[in-house]
Amino acid sequence: LFLVLARRYYERIQKILGYVVGVCLGLVLTAVLLYLLQKPVDNWIGSKYDGWQSYAGITLGVPIPLLTGYGCRNFVKFLVMFITAFAGA
């Protein structure tokens, strides 16, 4: 029974899995981006805007993961290869 359902919903499962992995990749990308920009932006704006990281994290933490999830929804094989290569390095 499971094999019949798996073959029937193969493409749908692939798209959902690709979207979920893409969202996770987007969250990691956003976190790395904020981490890399933290010191230059702190030096540039000074102490007037303390807490800009949380505001930028919320502001960028929604659209970037959603867009990467949408863009990666058809590339499950490549995402799995990328993640295993990155985790193994």
C-alpha atoms as a PDB file:
ATOM      1  CA  LEU A   1       0.000   0.000   0.000  1.00  0.00           C
ATOM      2  CA  PHE A   2       2.779   2.420   0.908  1.00  0.00           C
ATOM      3  CA  LEU A   3       4.610   1.778  -2.360  1.00  0.00           C
ATOM      4  CA  VAL A   4       1.490   2.513  -4.382  1.00  0.00           C
ATOM      5  CA  LEU A   5       0.929   5.773  -2.512  1.00  0.00           C
ATOM      6  CA  ALA A   6       4.594   6.730  -2.744  1.00  0.00           C
ATOM      7  CA  ARG A   7       4.635   6.244  -6.507  1.00  0.00           C
ATOM      8  CA  ARG A   8       1.394   8.125  -6.860  1.00  0.00           C
ATOM      9  CA  TYR A   9       2.459  11.140  -4.787  1.00  0.00           C
ATOM     10  CA  TYR A  10       6.164  11.101  -5.707  1.00  0.00           C
ATOM     11  CA  GLU A  11       6.228  14.515  -7.370  1.00  0.00           C
ATOM     12  CA  ARG A  12       4.165  16.146  -4.636  1.00  0.00           C
ATOM     13  CA  ILE A  13       6.428  14.722  -1.927  1.00  0.00           C
ATOM     14  CA  GLN A  14       9.500  15.906  -3.844  1.00  0.00           C
ATOM     15  CA  LYS A  15       8.121  19.453  -4.125  1.00  0.00           C
ATOM     16  CA  ILE A  16       7.183  19.631  -0.432  1.00  0.00           C
ATOM     17  CA  LEU A  17      10.554  18.244   0.635  1.00  0.00           C
ATOM     18  CA  GLY A  18      12.373  20.653  -1.684  1.00  0.00           C
ATOM     19  CA  TYR A  19      10.394  23.560  -0.319  1.00  0.00           C
ATOM     20  CA  VAL A  20      11.095  22.620   3.309  1.00  0.00           C
ATOM     21  CA  VAL A  21      14.815  22.128   2.674  1.00  0.00           C
ATOM     22  CA  GLY A  22      14.916  25.416   0.749  1.00  0.00           C
ATOM     23  CA  VAL A  23      13.289  27.251   3.653  1.00  0.00           C
ATOM     24  CA  CYS A  24      15.864  25.794   6.041  1.00  0.00           C
ATOM     25  CA  LEU A  25      18.640  26.827   3.668  1.00  0.00           C
ATOM     26  CA  GLY A  26      17.177  30.336   3.505  1.00  0.00           C
ATOM     27  CA  LEU A  27      17.091  30.597   7.292  1.00  0.00           C
ATOM     28  CA  VAL A  28      20.738  29.591   7.483  1.00  0.00           C
ATOM     29  CA  LEU A  29      21.593  32.058   4.715  1.00  0.00           C
ATOM     30  CA  THR A  30      19.810  34.864   6.576  1.00  0.00           C
ATOM     31  CA  ALA A  31      21.575  34.048   9.847  1.00  0.00           C
ATOM     32  CA  VAL A  32      24.983  33.992   8.143  1.00  0.00           C
ATOM     33  CA  LEU A  33      24.230  37.255   6.355  1.00  0.00           C
ATOM     34  CA  LEU A  34      23.285  38.983   9.610  1.00  0.00           C
ATOM     35  CA  TYR A  35      26.333  37.564  11.366  1.00  0.00           C
ATOM     36  CA  LEU A  36      28.687  38.797   8.647  1.00  0.00           C
ATOM     37  CA  LEU A  37      27.136  42.264   8.542  1.00  0.00           C
ATOM     38  CA  GLN A  38      26.889  42.759  12.304  1.00  0.00           C
ATOM     39  CA  LYS A  39      30.273  44.421  12.960  1.00  0.00           C
ATOM     40  CA  PRO A  40      30.385  46.655   9.850  1.00  0.00           C
ATOM     41  CA  VAL A  41      26.861  47.920  10.452  1.00  0.00           C
ATOM     42  CA  ASP A  42      27.506  48.436  14.189  1.00  0.00           C
ATOM     43  CA  ASN A  43      30.577  50.528  13.331  1.00  0.00           C
ATOM     44  CA  TRP A  44      28.650  52.472  10.718  1.00  0.00           C
ATOM     45  CA  ILE A  45      25.521  53.361  12.711  1.00  0.00           C
ATOM     46  CA  GLY A  46      27.046  53.462  16.198  1.00  0.00           C
ATOM     47  CA  SER A  47      25.077  52.778  19.349  1.00  0.00           C
ATOM     48  CA  LYS A  48      21.976  54.739  18.307  1.00  0.00           C
ATOM     49  CA  TYR A  49      20.290  51.690  16.843  1.00  0.00           C
ATOM     50  CA  ASP A  50      20.965  48.906  19.319  1.00  0.00           C
ATOM     51  CA  GLY A  51      18.917  45.839  18.528  1.00  0.00           C
ATOM     52  CA  TRP A  52      18.860  46.320  14.771  1.00  0.00           C
ATOM     53  CA  GLN A  53      19.846  42.661  14.403  1.00  0.00           C
ATOM     54  CA  SER A  54      16.552  41.415  15.779  1.00  0.00           C
ATOM     55  CA  TYR A  55      14.574  43.805  13.574  1.00  0.00           C
ATOM     56  CA  ALA A  56      16.589  42.826  10.489  1.00  0.00           C
ATOM     57  CA  GLY A  57      16.320  39.155  11.435  1.00  0.00           C
ATOM     58  CA  ILE A  58      12.537  39.339  11.526  1.00  0.00           C
ATOM     59  CA  THR A  59      12.339  41.550   8.435  1.00  0.00           C
ATOM     60  CA  LEU A  60      14.668  39.391   6.325  1.00  0.00           C
ATOM     61  CA  GLY A  61      13.900  36.097   8.064  1.00  0.00           C
ATOM     62  CA  VAL A  62      10.526  35.734   6.391  1.00  0.00           C
ATOM     63  CA  PRO A  63      10.950  36.650   2.702  1.00  0.00           C
ATOM     64  CA  ILE A  64      14.423  35.171   2.110  1.00  0.00           C
ATOM     65  CA  PRO A  65      13.534  31.641   3.334  1.00  0.00           C
ATOM     66  CA  LEU A  66      10.211  31.709   1.503  1.00  0.00           C
ATOM     67  CA  LEU A  67      11.887  32.753  -1.753  1.00  0.00           C
ATOM     68  CA  THR A  68      14.652  30.159  -1.434  1.00  0.00           C
ATOM     69  CA  GLY A  69      12.062  27.520  -0.603  1.00  0.00           C
ATOM     70  CA  TYR A  70      10.052  28.457  -3.672  1.00  0.00           C
ATOM     71  CA  GLY A  71      13.182  28.465  -5.822  1.00  0.00           C
ATOM     72  CA  CYS A  72      14.409  25.097  -4.529  1.00  0.00           C
ATOM     73  CA  ARG A  73      11.121  23.208  -4.693  1.00  0.00           C
ATOM     74  CA  ASN A  74      12.142  21.275  -7.825  1.00  0.00           C
ATOM     75  CA  PHE A  75      15.779  20.590  -6.903  1.00  0.00           C
ATOM     76  CA  VAL A  76      15.609  18.002  -4.117  1.00  0.00           C
ATOM     77  CA  LYS A  77      18.417  15.820  -5.500  1.00  0.00           C
ATOM     78  CA  PHE A  78      20.812  18.744  -5.759  1.00  0.00           C
ATOM     79  CA  LEU A  79      19.868  20.079  -2.328  1.00  0.00           C
ATOM     80  CA  VAL A  80      20.531  16.718  -0.702  1.00  0.00           C
ATOM     81  CA  MET A  81      23.912  16.492  -2.460  1.00  0.00           C
ATOM     82  CA  PHE A  82      24.793  20.050  -1.382  1.00  0.00           C
ATOM     83  CA  ILE A  83      23.791  19.497   2.233  1.00  0.00           C
ATOM     84  CA  THR A  84      25.669  16.199   2.563  1.00  0.00           C
ATOM     85  CA  ALA A  85      28.772  17.695   0.937  1.00  0.00           C
ATOM     86  CA  PHE A  86      28.611  20.729   3.236  1.00  0.00           C
ATOM     87  CA  ALA A  87      28.004  18.634   6.346  1.00  0.00           C
ATOM     88  CA  GLY A  88      30.849  16.283   5.458  1.00  0.00           C
ATOM     89  CA  ALA A  89      33.368  19.079   4.912  1.00  0.00           C
END
